[in-house]
Amino acid sequence: MLPIAICDDEPMHRQRTAAVLQEKIAGYGPALRLFASSAELLNAVETEGYAPRIAVLDIQMQEMDGISLARELNRRLPQCAVIFLTAFSPWRRRYTRQSTSISSSKASWRRGLSGRWSWP
């Protein structure tokens, strides 16, 4: 079983990301858990001891952006790999630069979500 956290404040994107992951990586036995906010995910880590191996994070969220959330996850769960998603194209370059400062991170843009996935 491969525990994967999906954190996105947009319900449609959260569900679509889960569906694509279920389809693309079914052979790895993904155990997907969906979160509507950074606070929800951090609460599960803190109170339940939830420790995903992979966190798929939206970058642009209301209370805490995905970059800040990834930094916090890196601090608490250094073994957790991070994949960033965003549809917010004006900020792609800025976020790509910021995401490289976080260990175990990869950026993907929503338009390409259904395409081929590979991990470096």
PDB file of N, CA and C in Angstrom:
ATOM      1  N   MET A   1       0.837  -1.182   0.000  1.00  0.00           N
ATOM      2  CA  MET A   1       0.000   0.000   0.000  1.00  0.00           C
ATOM      3  C   MET A   1       0.882   1.245   0.000  1.00  0.00           C
ATOM      4  N   LEU A   2       0.517   2.204  -0.831  1.00  0.00           N
ATOM      5  CA  LEU A   2       1.266   3.443  -0.977  1.00  0.00           C
ATOM      6  C   LEU A   2       0.395   4.615  -0.543  1.00  0.00           C
ATOM      7  N   PRO A   3       0.599   5.143   0.687  1.00  0.00           N
ATOM      8  CA  PRO A   3      -0.232   6.262   1.150  1.00  0.00           C
ATOM      9  C   PRO A   3       0.104   7.565   0.424  1.00  0.00           C
ATOM     10  N   ILE A   4      -0.922   8.148  -0.182  1.00  0.00           N
ATOM     11  CA  ILE A   4      -0.766   9.383  -0.942  1.00  0.00           C
ATOM     12  C   ILE A   4      -1.796  10.401  -0.455  1.00  0.00           C
ATOM     13  N   ALA A   5      -1.325  11.586  -0.079  1.00  0.00           N
ATOM     14  CA  ALA A   5      -2.197  12.688   0.318  1.00  0.00           C
ATOM     15  C   ALA A   5      -2.402  13.603  -0.886  1.00  0.00           C
ATOM     16  N   ILE A   6      -3.642  13.988  -1.118  1.00  0.00           N
ATOM     17  CA  ILE A   6      -3.968  14.962  -2.160  1.00  0.00           C
ATOM     18  C   ILE A   6      -4.592  16.150  -1.448  1.00  0.00           C
ATOM     19  N   CYS A   7      -3.970  17.316  -1.581  1.00  0.00           N
ATOM     20  CA  CYS A   7      -4.461  18.505  -0.898  1.00  0.00           C
ATOM     21  C   CYS A   7      -4.732  19.600  -1.922  1.00  0.00           C
ATOM     22  N   ASP A   8      -6.012  19.956  -2.051  1.00  0.00           N
ATOM     23  CA  ASP A   8      -6.435  20.986  -2.991  1.00  0.00           C
ATOM     24  C   ASP A   8      -7.728  21.586  -2.467  1.00  0.00           C
ATOM     25  N   ASP A   9      -7.826  22.885  -2.444  1.00  0.00           N
ATOM     26  CA  ASP A   9      -9.033  23.526  -1.912  1.00  0.00           C
ATOM     27  C   ASP A   9     -10.172  23.591  -2.935  1.00  0.00           C
ATOM     28  N   GLU A  10      -9.941  23.149  -4.152  1.00  0.00           N
ATOM     29  CA  GLU A  10     -10.971  23.094  -5.190  1.00  0.00           C
ATOM     30  C   GLU A  10     -11.473  21.654  -5.303  1.00  0.00           C
ATOM     31  N   PRO A  11     -12.723  21.389  -4.898  1.00  0.00           N
ATOM     32  CA  PRO A  11     -13.234  20.010  -4.904  1.00  0.00           C
ATOM     33  C   PRO A  11     -13.107  19.295  -6.256  1.00  0.00           C
ATOM     34  N   MET A  12     -13.405  19.978  -7.345  1.00  0.00           N
ATOM     35  CA  MET A  12     -13.324  19.358  -8.661  1.00  0.00           C
ATOM     36  C   MET A  12     -11.896  18.907  -8.976  1.00  0.00           C
ATOM     37  N   HIS A  13     -10.919  19.776  -8.692  1.00  0.00           N
ATOM     38  CA  HIS A  13      -9.521  19.427  -8.958  1.00  0.00           C
ATOM     39  C   HIS A  13      -9.064  18.287  -8.050  1.00  0.00           C
ATOM     40  N   ARG A  14      -9.491  18.318  -6.813  1.00  0.00           N
ATOM     41  CA  ARG A  14      -9.132  17.270  -5.854  1.00  0.00           C
ATOM     42  C   ARG A  14      -9.628  15.908  -6.356  1.00  0.00           C
ATOM     43  N   GLN A  15     -10.883  15.859  -6.779  1.00  0.00           N
ATOM     44  CA  GLN A  15     -11.470  14.612  -7.271  1.00  0.00           C
ATOM     45  C   GLN A  15     -10.815  14.154  -8.573  1.00  0.00           C
ATOM     46  N   ARG A  16     -10.550  15.091  -9.465  1.00  0.00           N
ATOM     47  CA  ARG A  16      -9.922  14.747 -10.748  1.00  0.00           C
ATOM     48  C   ARG A  16      -8.515  14.209 -10.530  1.00  0.00           C
ATOM     49  N   THR A  17      -7.765  14.835  -9.656  1.00  0.00           N
ATOM     50  CA  THR A  17      -6.411  14.362  -9.352  1.00  0.00           C
ATOM     51  C   THR A  17      -6.470  12.945  -8.800  1.00  0.00           C
ATOM     52  N   ALA A  18      -7.402  12.688  -7.898  1.00  0.00           N
ATOM     53  CA  ALA A  18      -7.553  11.344  -7.324  1.00  0.00           C
ATOM     54  C   ALA A  18      -7.890  10.323  -8.408  1.00  0.00           C
ATOM     55  N   ALA A  19      -8.797  10.685  -9.311  1.00  0.00           N
ATOM     56  CA  ALA A  19      -9.188   9.761 -10.379  1.00  0.00           C
ATOM     57  C   ALA A  19      -8.019   9.433 -11.299  1.00  0.00           C
ATOM     58  N   VAL A  20      -7.257  10.448 -11.663  1.00  0.00           N
ATOM     59  CA  VAL A  20      -6.102  10.225 -12.546  1.00  0.00           C
ATOM     60  C   VAL A  20      -5.065   9.346 -11.847  1.00  0.00           C
ATOM     61  N   LEU A  21      -4.781   9.638 -10.588  1.00  0.00           N
ATOM     62  CA  LEU A  21      -3.802   8.821  -9.854  1.00  0.00           C
ATOM     63  C   LEU A  21      -4.278   7.378  -9.734  1.00  0.00           C
ATOM     64  N   GLN A  22      -5.560   7.165  -9.410  1.00  0.00           N
ATOM     65  CA  GLN A  22      -6.096   5.808  -9.300  1.00  0.00           C
ATOM     66  C   GLN A  22      -5.857   5.053 -10.594  1.00  0.00           C
ATOM     67  N   GLU A  23      -6.092   5.716 -11.712  1.00  0.00           N
ATOM     68  CA  GLU A  23      -5.932   5.077 -13.014  1.00  0.00           C
ATOM     69  C   GLU A  23      -4.467   4.826 -13.358  1.00  0.00           C
ATOM     70  N   LYS A  24      -3.629   5.844 -13.156  1.00  0.00           N
ATOM     71  CA  LYS A  24      -2.242   5.770 -13.623  1.00  0.00           C
ATOM     72  C   LYS A  24      -1.343   4.897 -12.757  1.00  0.00           C
ATOM     73  N   ILE A  25      -1.624   4.819 -11.465  1.00  0.00           N
ATOM     74  CA  ILE A  25      -0.696   4.082 -10.600  1.00  0.00           C
ATOM     75  C   ILE A  25      -1.394   2.970  -9.809  1.00  0.00           C
ATOM     76  N   ALA A  26      -2.459   2.417 -10.382  1.00  0.00           N
ATOM     77  CA  ALA A  26      -3.228   1.369  -9.708  1.00  0.00           C
ATOM     78  C   ALA A  26      -2.337   0.194  -9.292  1.00  0.00           C
ATOM     79  N   GLY A  27      -1.342  -0.132 -10.076  1.00  0.00           N
ATOM     80  CA  GLY A  27      -0.456  -1.252  -9.786  1.00  0.00           C
ATOM     81  C   GLY A  27       0.398  -1.090  -8.540  1.00  0.00           C
ATOM     82  N   TYR A  28       0.519   0.129  -8.034  1.00  0.00           N
ATOM     83  CA  TYR A  28       1.319   0.389  -6.833  1.00  0.00           C
ATOM     84  C   TYR A  28       0.491   0.331  -5.554  1.00  0.00           C
ATOM     85  N   GLY A  29      -0.807   0.067  -5.682  1.00  0.00           N
ATOM     86  CA  GLY A  29      -1.685  -0.003  -4.518  1.00  0.00           C
ATOM     87  C   GLY A  29      -1.820   1.315  -3.792  1.00  0.00           C
ATOM     88  N   PRO A  30      -2.191   2.384  -4.511  1.00  0.00           N
ATOM     89  CA  PRO A  30      -2.290   3.685  -3.849  1.00  0.00           C
ATOM     90  C   PRO A  30      -3.424   3.719  -2.819  1.00  0.00           C
ATOM     91  N   ALA A  31      -3.129   4.295  -1.672  1.00  0.00           N
ATOM     92  CA  ALA A  31      -4.145   4.545  -0.647  1.00  0.00           C
ATOM     93  C   ALA A  31      -4.322   6.057  -0.595  1.00  0.00           C
ATOM     94  N   LEU A  32      -5.237   6.551  -1.402  1.00  0.00           N
ATOM     95  CA  LEU A  32      -5.423   8.000  -1.538  1.00  0.00           C
ATOM     96  C   LEU A  32      -6.252   8.541  -0.383  1.00  0.00           C
ATOM     97  N   ARG A  33      -5.821   9.694   0.102  1.00  0.00           N
ATOM     98  CA  ARG A  33      -6.588  10.405   1.125  1.00  0.00           C
ATOM     99  C   ARG A  33      -6.655  11.857   0.688  1.00  0.00           C
ATOM    100  N   LEU A  34      -7.866  12.397   0.624  1.00  0.00           N
ATOM    101  CA  LEU A  34      -8.079  13.742   0.099  1.00  0.00           C
ATOM    102  C   LEU A  34      -8.298  14.745   1.225  1.00  0.00           C
ATOM    103  N   PHE A  35      -7.678  15.920   1.044  1.00  0.00           N
ATOM    104  CA  PHE A  35      -7.756  17.000   2.025  1.00  0.00           C
ATOM    105  C   PHE A  35      -8.167  18.289   1.323  1.00  0.00           C
ATOM    106  N   ALA A  36      -9.067  19.045   1.949  1.00  0.00           N
ATOM    107  CA  ALA A  36      -9.578  20.291   1.370  1.00  0.00           C
ATOM    108  C   ALA A  36      -8.742  21.502   1.754  1.00  0.00           C
ATOM    109  N   SER A  37      -7.786  21.330   2.670  1.00  0.00           N
ATOM    110  CA  SER A  37      -6.961  22.464   3.088  1.00  0.00           C
ATOM    111  C   SER A  37      -5.645  21.973   3.683  1.00  0.00           C
ATOM    112  N   SER A  38      -4.701  22.879   3.743  1.00  0.00           N
ATOM    113  CA  SER A  38      -3.413  22.592   4.378  1.00  0.00           C
ATOM    114  C   SER A  38      -3.616  22.233   5.842  1.00  0.00           C
ATOM    115  N   ALA A  39      -4.512  22.962   6.506  1.00  0.00           N
ATOM    116  CA  ALA A  39      -4.773  22.711   7.925  1.00  0.00           C
ATOM    117  C   ALA A  39      -5.295  21.299   8.149  1.00  0.00           C
ATOM    118  N   GLU A  40      -6.169  20.825   7.267  1.00  0.00           N
ATOM    119  CA  GLU A  40      -6.696  19.458   7.380  1.00  0.00           C
ATOM    120  C   GLU A  40      -5.583  18.428   7.297  1.00  0.00           C
ATOM    121  N   LEU A  41      -4.711  18.592   6.320  1.00  0.00           N
ATOM    122  CA  LEU A  41      -3.601  17.651   6.138  1.00  0.00           C
ATOM    123  C   LEU A  41      -2.654  17.690   7.332  1.00  0.00           C
ATOM    124  N   LEU A  42      -2.261  18.890   7.751  1.00  0.00           N
ATOM    125  CA  LEU A  42      -1.349  19.006   8.895  1.00  0.00           C
ATOM    126  C   LEU A  42      -1.980  18.468  10.179  1.00  0.00           C
ATOM    127  N   ASN A  43      -3.275  18.640  10.339  1.00  0.00           N
ATOM    128  CA  ASN A  43      -3.966  18.098  11.498  1.00  0.00           C
ATOM    129  C   ASN A  43      -3.906  16.568  11.504  1.00  0.00           C
ATOM    130  N   ALA A  44      -4.101  15.945  10.349  1.00  0.00           N
ATOM    131  CA  ALA A  44      -4.015  14.483  10.256  1.00  0.00           C
ATOM    132  C   ALA A  44      -2.611  13.992  10.586  1.00  0.00           C
ATOM    133  N   VAL A  45      -1.603  14.725  10.138  1.00  0.00           N
ATOM    134  CA  VAL A  45      -0.211  14.367  10.442  1.00  0.00           C
ATOM    135  C   VAL A  45       0.035  14.491  11.942  1.00  0.00           C
ATOM    136  N   GLU A  46      -0.433  15.581  12.509  1.00  0.00           N
ATOM    137  CA  GLU A  46      -0.202  15.876  13.925  1.00  0.00           C
ATOM    138  C   GLU A  46      -0.994  14.964  14.860  1.00  0.00           C
ATOM    139  N   THR A  47      -2.294  14.841  14.635  1.00  0.00           N
ATOM    140  CA  THR A  47      -3.147  14.143  15.603  1.00  0.00           C
ATOM    141  C   THR A  47      -3.298  12.646  15.352  1.00  0.00           C
ATOM    142  N   GLU A  48      -3.185  12.224  14.078  1.00  0.00           N
ATOM    143  CA  GLU A  48      -3.385  10.807  13.754  1.00  0.00           C
ATOM    144  C   GLU A  48      -2.083  10.080  13.449  1.00  0.00           C
ATOM    145  N   GLY A  49      -0.999  10.837  13.320  1.00  0.00           N
ATOM    146  CA  GLY A  49       0.249  10.215  12.914  1.00  0.00           C
ATOM    147  C   GLY A  49       0.243   9.813  11.448  1.00  0.00           C
ATOM    148  N   TYR A  50      -0.642  10.436  10.664  1.00  0.00           N
ATOM    149  CA  TYR A  50      -0.721  10.148   9.235  1.00  0.00           C
ATOM    150  C   TYR A  50       0.603  10.520   8.581  1.00  0.00           C
ATOM    151  N   ALA A  51       1.159   9.595   7.801  1.00  0.00           N
ATOM    152  CA  ALA A  51       2.468   9.823   7.179  1.00  0.00           C
ATOM    153  C   ALA A  51       2.445   9.349   5.729  1.00  0.00           C
ATOM    154  N   PRO A  52       1.976  10.205   4.825  1.00  0.00           N
ATOM    155  CA  PRO A  52       1.962   9.806   3.416  1.00  0.00           C
ATOM    156  C   PRO A  52       3.376   9.677   2.861  1.00  0.00           C
ATOM    157  N   ARG A  53       3.553   8.781   1.912  1.00  0.00           N
ATOM    158  CA  ARG A  53       4.838   8.656   1.219  1.00  0.00           C
ATOM    159  C   ARG A  53       4.949   9.722   0.134  1.00  0.00           C
ATOM    160  N   ILE A  54       3.778  10.129  -0.395  1.00  0.00           N
ATOM    161  CA  ILE A  54       3.727  11.151  -1.437  1.00  0.00           C
ATOM    162  C   ILE A  54       2.614  12.136  -1.080  1.00  0.00           C
ATOM    163  N   ALA A  55       2.884  13.428  -1.260  1.00  0.00           N
ATOM    164  CA  ALA A  55       1.868  14.463  -1.087  1.00  0.00           C
ATOM    165  C   ALA A  55       1.726  15.213  -2.405  1.00  0.00           C
ATOM    166  N   VAL A  56       0.525  15.212  -2.946  1.00  0.00           N
ATOM    167  CA  VAL A  56       0.219  15.940  -4.176  1.00  0.00           C
ATOM    168  C   VAL A  56      -0.490  17.219  -3.740  1.00  0.00           C
ATOM    169  N   LEU A  57       0.168  18.349  -3.947  1.00  0.00           N
ATOM    170  CA  LEU A  57      -0.303  19.615  -3.388  1.00  0.00           C
ATOM    171  C   LEU A  57      -0.617  20.643  -4.459  1.00  0.00           C
ATOM    172  N   ASP A  58      -1.775  21.277  -4.322  1.00  0.00           N
ATOM    173  CA  ASP A  58      -2.065  22.450  -5.136  1.00  0.00           C
ATOM    174  C   ASP A  58      -1.163  23.567  -4.617  1.00  0.00           C
ATOM    175  N   ILE A  59      -0.685  24.396  -5.473  1.00  0.00           N
ATOM    176  CA  ILE A  59       0.186  25.489  -5.024  1.00  0.00           C
ATOM    177  C   ILE A  59      -0.643  26.657  -4.512  1.00  0.00           C
ATOM    178  N   GLN A  60      -1.665  27.028  -5.256  1.00  0.00           N
ATOM    179  CA  GLN A  60      -2.459  28.209  -4.908  1.00  0.00           C
ATOM    180  C   GLN A  60      -3.657  27.791  -4.059  1.00  0.00           C
ATOM    181  N   MET A  61      -3.555  27.947  -2.736  1.00  0.00           N
ATOM    182  CA  MET A  61      -4.671  27.637  -1.833  1.00  0.00           C
ATOM    183  C   MET A  61      -4.893  28.829  -0.913  1.00  0.00           C
ATOM    184  N   GLN A  62      -6.055  28.878  -0.297  1.00  0.00           N
ATOM    185  CA  GLN A  62      -6.475  30.040   0.491  1.00  0.00           C
ATOM    186  C   GLN A  62      -5.591  30.339   1.701  1.00  0.00           C
ATOM    187  N   GLU A  63      -5.557  29.461   2.670  1.00  0.00           N
ATOM    188  CA  GLU A  63      -4.917  29.789   3.947  1.00  0.00           C
ATOM    189  C   GLU A  63      -3.396  29.628   3.947  1.00  0.00           C
ATOM    190  N   MET A  64      -2.914  28.550   3.395  1.00  0.00           N
ATOM    191  CA  MET A  64      -1.473  28.294   3.323  1.00  0.00           C
ATOM    192  C   MET A  64      -1.201  27.723   1.938  1.00  0.00           C
ATOM    193  N   ASP A  65      -0.302  28.343   1.193  1.00  0.00           N
ATOM    194  CA  ASP A  65      -0.039  27.843  -0.153  1.00  0.00           C
ATOM    195  C   ASP A  65       0.714  26.514  -0.109  1.00  0.00           C
ATOM    196  N   GLY A  66       0.732  25.826  -1.242  1.00  0.00           N
ATOM    197  CA  GLY A  66       1.359  24.515  -1.319  1.00  0.00           C
ATOM    198  C   GLY A  66       2.849  24.527  -1.039  1.00  0.00           C
ATOM    199  N   ILE A  67       3.530  25.602  -1.396  1.00  0.00           N
ATOM    200  CA  ILE A  67       4.973  25.701  -1.135  1.00  0.00           C
ATOM    201  C   ILE A  67       5.218  25.707   0.376  1.00  0.00           C
ATOM    202  N   SER A  68       4.465  26.516   1.106  1.00  0.00           N
ATOM    203  CA  SER A  68       4.610  26.569   2.570  1.00  0.00           C
ATOM    204  C   SER A  68       4.225  25.242   3.204  1.00  0.00           C
ATOM    205  N   LEU A  69       3.168  24.630   2.691  1.00  0.00           N
ATOM    206  CA  LEU A  69       2.758  23.324   3.200  1.00  0.00           C
ATOM    207  C   LEU A  69       3.847  22.286   2.964  1.00  0.00           C
ATOM    208  N   ALA A  70       4.448  22.294   1.796  1.00  0.00           N
ATOM    209  CA  ALA A  70       5.522  21.336   1.498  1.00  0.00           C
ATOM    210  C   ALA A  70       6.709  21.526   2.439  1.00  0.00           C
ATOM    211  N   ARG A  71       7.046  22.763   2.722  1.00  0.00           N
ATOM    212  CA  ARG A  71       8.146  23.016   3.662  1.00  0.00           C
ATOM    213  C   ARG A  71       7.827  22.428   5.039  1.00  0.00           C
ATOM    214  N   GLU A  72       6.580  22.612   5.471  1.00  0.00           N
ATOM    215  CA  GLU A  72       6.167  22.077   6.769  1.00  0.00           C
ATOM    216  C   GLU A  72       6.160  20.544   6.751  1.00  0.00           C
ATOM    217  N   LEU A  73       5.679  19.956   5.660  1.00  0.00           N
ATOM    218  CA  LEU A  73       5.708  18.494   5.547  1.00  0.00           C
ATOM    219  C   LEU A  73       7.138  17.983   5.533  1.00  0.00           C
ATOM    220  N   ASN A  74       8.028  18.676   4.829  1.00  0.00           N
ATOM    221  CA  ASN A  74       9.446  18.288   4.805  1.00  0.00           C
ATOM    222  C   ASN A  74      10.047  18.294   6.203  1.00  0.00           C
ATOM    223  N   ARG A  75       9.646  19.268   6.992  1.00  0.00           N
ATOM    224  CA  ARG A  75      10.153  19.363   8.357  1.00  0.00           C
ATOM    225  C   ARG A  75       9.649  18.197   9.209  1.00  0.00           C
ATOM    226  N   ARG A  76       8.363  17.871   9.067  1.00  0.00           N
ATOM    227  CA  ARG A  76       7.751  16.824   9.883  1.00  0.00           C
ATOM    228  C   ARG A  76       7.948  15.418   9.315  1.00  0.00           C
ATOM    229  N   LEU A  77       7.933  15.305   8.005  1.00  0.00           N
ATOM    230  CA  LEU A  77       8.003  14.002   7.324  1.00  0.00           C
ATOM    231  C   LEU A  77       9.029  14.067   6.191  1.00  0.00           C
ATOM    232  N   PRO A  78      10.303  14.060   6.514  1.00  0.00           N
ATOM    233  CA  PRO A  78      11.312  14.225   5.460  1.00  0.00           C
ATOM    234  C   PRO A  78      11.293  13.140   4.386  1.00  0.00           C
ATOM    235  N   GLN A  79      10.691  11.996   4.669  1.00  0.00           N
ATOM    236  CA  GLN A  79      10.631  10.912   3.694  1.00  0.00           C
ATOM    237  C   GLN A  79       9.494  11.086   2.687  1.00  0.00           C
ATOM    238  N   CYS A  80       8.639  12.073   2.898  1.00  0.00           N
ATOM    239  CA  CYS A  80       7.478  12.299   2.031  1.00  0.00           C
ATOM    240  C   CYS A  80       7.898  13.063   0.769  1.00  0.00           C
ATOM    241  N   ALA A  81       7.662  12.451  -0.389  1.00  0.00           N
ATOM    242  CA  ALA A  81       7.923  13.126  -1.664  1.00  0.00           C
ATOM    243  C   ALA A  81       6.763  14.078  -1.953  1.00  0.00           C
ATOM    244  N   VAL A  82       7.051  15.181  -2.632  1.00  0.00           N
ATOM    245  CA  VAL A  82       6.029  16.200  -2.912  1.00  0.00           C
ATOM    246  C   VAL A  82       5.902  16.401  -4.416  1.00  0.00           C
ATOM    247  N   ILE A  83       4.655  16.429  -4.876  1.00  0.00           N
ATOM    248  CA  ILE A  83       4.352  16.775  -6.261  1.00  0.00           C
ATOM    249  C   ILE A  83       3.457  18.011  -6.210  1.00  0.00           C
ATOM    250  N   PHE A  84       3.858  19.061  -6.904  1.00  0.00           N
ATOM    251  CA  PHE A  84       3.059  20.285  -6.950  1.00  0.00           C
ATOM    252  C   PHE A  84       2.209  20.302  -8.203  1.00  0.00           C
ATOM    253  N   LEU A  85       0.973  20.766  -8.052  1.00  0.00           N
ATOM    254  CA  LEU A  85       0.075  20.977  -9.183  1.00  0.00           C
ATOM    255  C   LEU A  85      -0.451  22.394  -9.127  1.00  0.00           C
ATOM    256  N   THR A  86      -0.630  23.002 -10.285  1.00  0.00           N
ATOM    257  CA  THR A  86      -1.285  24.305 -10.330  1.00  0.00           C
ATOM    258  C   THR A  86      -1.835  24.551 -11.728  1.00  0.00           C
ATOM    259  N   ALA A  87      -2.910  25.275 -11.785  1.00  0.00           N
ATOM    260  CA  ALA A  87      -3.463  25.724 -13.061  1.00  0.00           C
ATOM    261  C   ALA A  87      -3.258  27.225 -13.193  1.00  0.00           C
ATOM    262  N   PHE A  88      -2.606  27.811 -12.225  1.00  0.00           N
ATOM    263  CA  PHE A  88      -2.429  29.253 -12.133  1.00  0.00           C
ATOM    264  C   PHE A  88      -1.190  29.663 -12.917  1.00  0.00           C
ATOM    265  N   SER A  89      -1.305  29.741 -14.238  1.00  0.00           N
ATOM    266  CA  SER A  89      -0.149  29.895 -15.115  1.00  0.00           C
ATOM    267  C   SER A  89       0.688  31.159 -14.931  1.00  0.00           C
ATOM    268  N   PRO A  90       0.144  32.327 -14.539  1.00  0.00           N
ATOM    269  CA  PRO A  90       1.021  33.489 -14.402  1.00  0.00           C
ATOM    270  C   PRO A  90       2.136  33.292 -13.360  1.00  0.00           C
ATOM    271  N   TRP A  91       1.941  32.372 -12.443  1.00  0.00           N
ATOM    272  CA  TRP A  91       2.919  32.175 -11.376  1.00  0.00           C
ATOM    273  C   TRP A  91       3.809  30.958 -11.581  1.00  0.00           C
ATOM    274  N   ARG A  92       3.673  30.267 -12.692  1.00  0.00           N
ATOM    275  CA  ARG A  92       4.432  29.027 -12.901  1.00  0.00           C
ATOM    276  C   ARG A  92       5.934  29.198 -12.680  1.00  0.00           C
ATOM    277  N   ARG A  93       6.504  30.202 -13.307  1.00  0.00           N
ATOM    278  CA  ARG A  93       7.952  30.393 -13.221  1.00  0.00           C
ATOM    279  C   ARG A  93       8.379  30.647 -11.777  1.00  0.00           C
ATOM    280  N   ARG A  94       7.630  31.520 -11.093  1.00  0.00           N
ATOM    281  CA  ARG A  94       7.938  31.837  -9.697  1.00  0.00           C
ATOM    282  C   ARG A  94       7.846  30.591  -8.818  1.00  0.00           C
ATOM    283  N   TYR A  95       6.765  29.834  -8.961  1.00  0.00           N
ATOM    284  CA  TYR A  95       6.569  28.656  -8.128  1.00  0.00           C
ATOM    285  C   TYR A  95       7.571  27.553  -8.461  1.00  0.00           C
ATOM    286  N   THR A  96       7.916  27.421  -9.732  1.00  0.00           N
ATOM    287  CA  THR A  96       8.908  26.416 -10.099  1.00  0.00           C
ATOM    288  C   THR A  96      10.230  26.711  -9.405  1.00  0.00           C
ATOM    289  N   ARG A  97      10.632  27.977  -9.379  1.00  0.00           N
ATOM    290  CA  ARG A  97      11.877  28.342  -8.675  1.00  0.00           C
ATOM    291  C   ARG A  97      11.768  28.044  -7.192  1.00  0.00           C
ATOM    292  N   GLN A  98      10.639  28.388  -6.563  1.00  0.00           N
ATOM    293  CA  GLN A  98      10.466  28.143  -5.134  1.00  0.00           C
ATOM    294  C   GLN A  98      10.434  26.650  -4.820  1.00  0.00           C
ATOM    295  N   SER A  99       9.807  25.862  -5.688  1.00  0.00           N
ATOM    296  CA  SER A  99       9.657  24.439  -5.407  1.00  0.00           C
ATOM    297  C   SER A  99      10.995  23.704  -5.432  1.00  0.00           C
ATOM    298  N   THR A 100      11.959  24.220  -6.181  1.00  0.00           N
ATOM    299  CA  THR A 100      13.254  23.544  -6.234  1.00  0.00           C
ATOM    300  C   THR A 100      14.014  23.653  -4.919  1.00  0.00           C
ATOM    301  N   SER A 101      13.585  24.543  -4.025  1.00  0.00           N
ATOM    302  CA  SER A 101      14.249  24.658  -2.731  1.00  0.00           C
ATOM    303  C   SER A 101      13.733  23.620  -1.726  1.00  0.00           C
ATOM    304  N   ILE A 102      12.764  22.819  -2.142  1.00  0.00           N
ATOM    305  CA  ILE A 102      12.176  21.812  -1.260  1.00  0.00           C
ATOM    306  C   ILE A 102      12.640  20.438  -1.722  1.00  0.00           C
ATOM    307  N   SER A 103      13.195  19.668  -0.803  1.00  0.00           N
ATOM    308  CA  SER A 103      13.689  18.354  -1.197  1.00  0.00           C
ATOM    309  C   SER A 103      12.536  17.462  -1.625  1.00  0.00           C
ATOM    310  N   SER A 104      12.814  16.532  -2.503  1.00  0.00           N
ATOM    311  CA  SER A 104      11.833  15.548  -2.987  1.00  0.00           C
ATOM    312  C   SER A 104      10.608  16.196  -3.603  1.00  0.00           C
ATOM    313  N   SER A 105      10.788  17.226  -4.423  1.00  0.00           N
ATOM    314  CA  SER A 105       9.630  17.876  -5.031  1.00  0.00           C
ATOM    315  C   SER A 105       9.678  17.790  -6.549  1.00  0.00           C
ATOM    316  N   LYS A 106       8.497  17.829  -7.160  1.00  0.00           N
ATOM    317  CA  LYS A 106       8.351  17.840  -8.607  1.00  0.00           C
ATOM    318  C   LYS A 106       7.142  18.711  -8.921  1.00  0.00           C
ATOM    319  N   ALA A 107       7.230  19.542  -9.939  1.00  0.00           N
ATOM    320  CA  ALA A 107       6.114  20.408 -10.315  1.00  0.00           C
ATOM    321  C   ALA A 107       5.444  19.872 -11.577  1.00  0.00           C
ATOM    322  N   SER A 108       4.135  19.965 -11.640  1.00  0.00           N
ATOM    323  CA  SER A 108       3.377  19.579 -12.821  1.00  0.00           C
ATOM    324  C   SER A 108       2.258  20.592 -12.999  1.00  0.00           C
ATOM    325  N   TRP A 109       1.926  20.873 -14.242  1.00  0.00           N
ATOM    326  CA  TRP A 109       0.856  21.829 -14.513  1.00  0.00           C
ATOM    327  C   TRP A 109      -0.391  21.055 -14.871  1.00  0.00           C
ATOM    328  N   ARG A 110      -1.542  21.452 -14.354  1.00  0.00           N
ATOM    329  CA  ARG A 110      -2.785  20.694 -14.486  1.00  0.00           C
ATOM    330  C   ARG A 110      -3.125  20.278 -15.908  1.00  0.00           C
ATOM    331  N   ARG A 111      -2.843  21.114 -16.857  1.00  0.00           N
ATOM    332  CA  ARG A 111      -3.199  20.774 -18.229  1.00  0.00           C
ATOM    333  C   ARG A 111      -2.550  19.457 -18.637  1.00  0.00           C
ATOM    334  N   GLY A 112      -1.349  19.175 -18.124  1.00  0.00           N
ATOM    335  CA  GLY A 112      -0.634  17.955 -18.472  1.00  0.00           C
ATOM    336  C   GLY A 112      -0.877  16.805 -17.519  1.00  0.00           C
ATOM    337  N   LEU A 113      -1.834  16.930 -16.620  1.00  0.00           N
ATOM    338  CA  LEU A 113      -2.038  15.924 -15.587  1.00  0.00           C
ATOM    339  C   LEU A 113      -2.376  14.551 -16.144  1.00  0.00           C
ATOM    340  N   SER A 114      -3.125  14.488 -17.235  1.00  0.00           N
ATOM    341  CA  SER A 114      -3.539  13.194 -17.765  1.00  0.00           C
ATOM    342  C   SER A 114      -2.436  12.528 -18.584  1.00  0.00           C
ATOM    343  N   GLY A 115      -1.387  13.234 -18.855  1.00  0.00           N
ATOM    344  CA  GLY A 115      -0.305  12.686 -19.672  1.00  0.00           C
ATOM    345  C   GLY A 115       0.569  11.713 -18.903  1.00  0.00           C
ATOM    346  N   ARG A 116       1.694  11.419 -19.443  1.00  0.00           N
ATOM    347  CA  ARG A 116       2.621  10.465 -18.846  1.00  0.00           C
ATOM    348  C   ARG A 116       3.243  11.031 -17.582  1.00  0.00           C
ATOM    349  N   TRP A 117       3.330  10.219 -16.551  1.00  0.00           N
ATOM    350  CA  TRP A 117       3.944  10.627 -15.288  1.00  0.00           C
ATOM    351  C   TRP A 117       5.231   9.869 -15.105  1.00  0.00           C
ATOM    352  N   SER A 118       6.259  10.558 -14.681  1.00  0.00           N
ATOM    353  CA  SER A 118       7.505   9.882 -14.341  1.00  0.00           C
ATOM    354  C   SER A 118       8.114  10.597 -13.160  1.00  0.00           C
ATOM    355  N   TRP A 119       8.875   9.900 -12.397  1.00  0.00           N
ATOM    356  CA  TRP A 119       9.549  10.481 -11.239  1.00  0.00           C
ATOM    357  C   TRP A 119      11.037  10.495 -11.534  1.00  0.00           C
ATOM    358  N   PRO A 120      11.713  11.609 -11.266  1.00  0.00           N
ATOM    359  CA  PRO A 120      13.135  11.700 -11.638  1.00  0.00           C
ATOM    360  C   PRO A 120      13.975  10.654 -10.933  1.00  0.00           C
TER     361      PRO A 120
END
